[in-house]
């Protein structure tokens, strides 16, 4: 079964919150890069249409000096 983006984000956030720097499974050591995890979470949040809490900004108006 495929995981949704929200599920993957939750897993990555749990891993990041654990504070672990390395993981060892069956003698195989894997180093964790927190910056890469944060970047992946940001990518997943951008891709997830259900996770967007607000609409993306389409236009920005600069009103400085208009009065």
Foldseek 3Di string as FASTA:
>chain_A
DDDALVVVLVVLVVVLVVVDQWDADPRDIDGDDSVVSVVVSVVSCVVDPVNDPDDDDDDDDDCPPVD
